[in-house]
Amino acid sequence: MKKLLLHNISFKFNPQEQPFFHDAHIEFDSDSVYFIQGKNGVGKSTFFSVLQGTTPRSALLTGTIIFDGTEFTIKNNYMDPKISARVKTVVQDSNKMIVNTMTIDENLRLAHLPMHPGLIPLAHTINLPTIMKDFGINNLNKNVQQLSGGQKQILAIMMALQKPTQILLLDEPTAALDEKNTHMVIQFLTNLAKTLDLIIIIITHDKELTATYAQNRTVTIKVNEKGTRTIELL
């Protein structure tokens, strides 16, 4: 099991403002799924930006991140790429990550391409991960349009994981899904965390979803009277 520890994390959008986060301290374990809750604008997406290393250059970010026993100090708003490279994100709308007119195999191979691929061929055919077969995705040649909403979300997740990943972030992955497909995606993520020893963190506004699946792994972000956020694991 790996641990991700955020210690004394402070963040300001600019040096003259009150801290957005101040001395935040929270710990995550691998093979687990965490749920972040909080009102709109409370800072859930900003917290993701801290983990991704994508906070604005004009901002001020300080603190320490310890991952798997290795300590990384954040200085001058600089997040060590050895941490940010381990983080992958799945956006809310799976259609922004997958190509509906292509097959499952073609989408997975497309995910192997670098950010600026140039004129290079797609990777060779991908072996279908067993964990996808368990959720009815058992034919690489099937067109994506034949998948359910939950299966599309699973494909988008697997595309994100075609590059080395140890921390997976998801923004409202079940927002557009019915109850059956929501259960499918959360069960897939739970299995995925254990199978690949991942830390998985989900932003959600669905309190019922959190109550059903969080199992004491709910992260809350609250705002005090000065506008500074605190992060707690319940």
Foldseek 3Di string as FASTA:
>chain_A
DKKKWWFQKWKDLAPVADIQAGGAIDMFFFLAEFEEEDDPPLQPVVVVCLQLLNRDLRMDIWTWIAIRRDIDTDDSSGDPVVRNVQEFEQEQDLCVQAPQAAFLQVSLQVLLADPCRPPDDTDPGDDDDPLLVVLVPDDRRDGNPPDDLLSSLVSSQSSRVSGNHAEYEYENNCVPDDPVSVVSNLVSVSVVRNVVRHYYYYYDHDVVVCVVPRPQRYWYWDQDPSNHIYIDGD
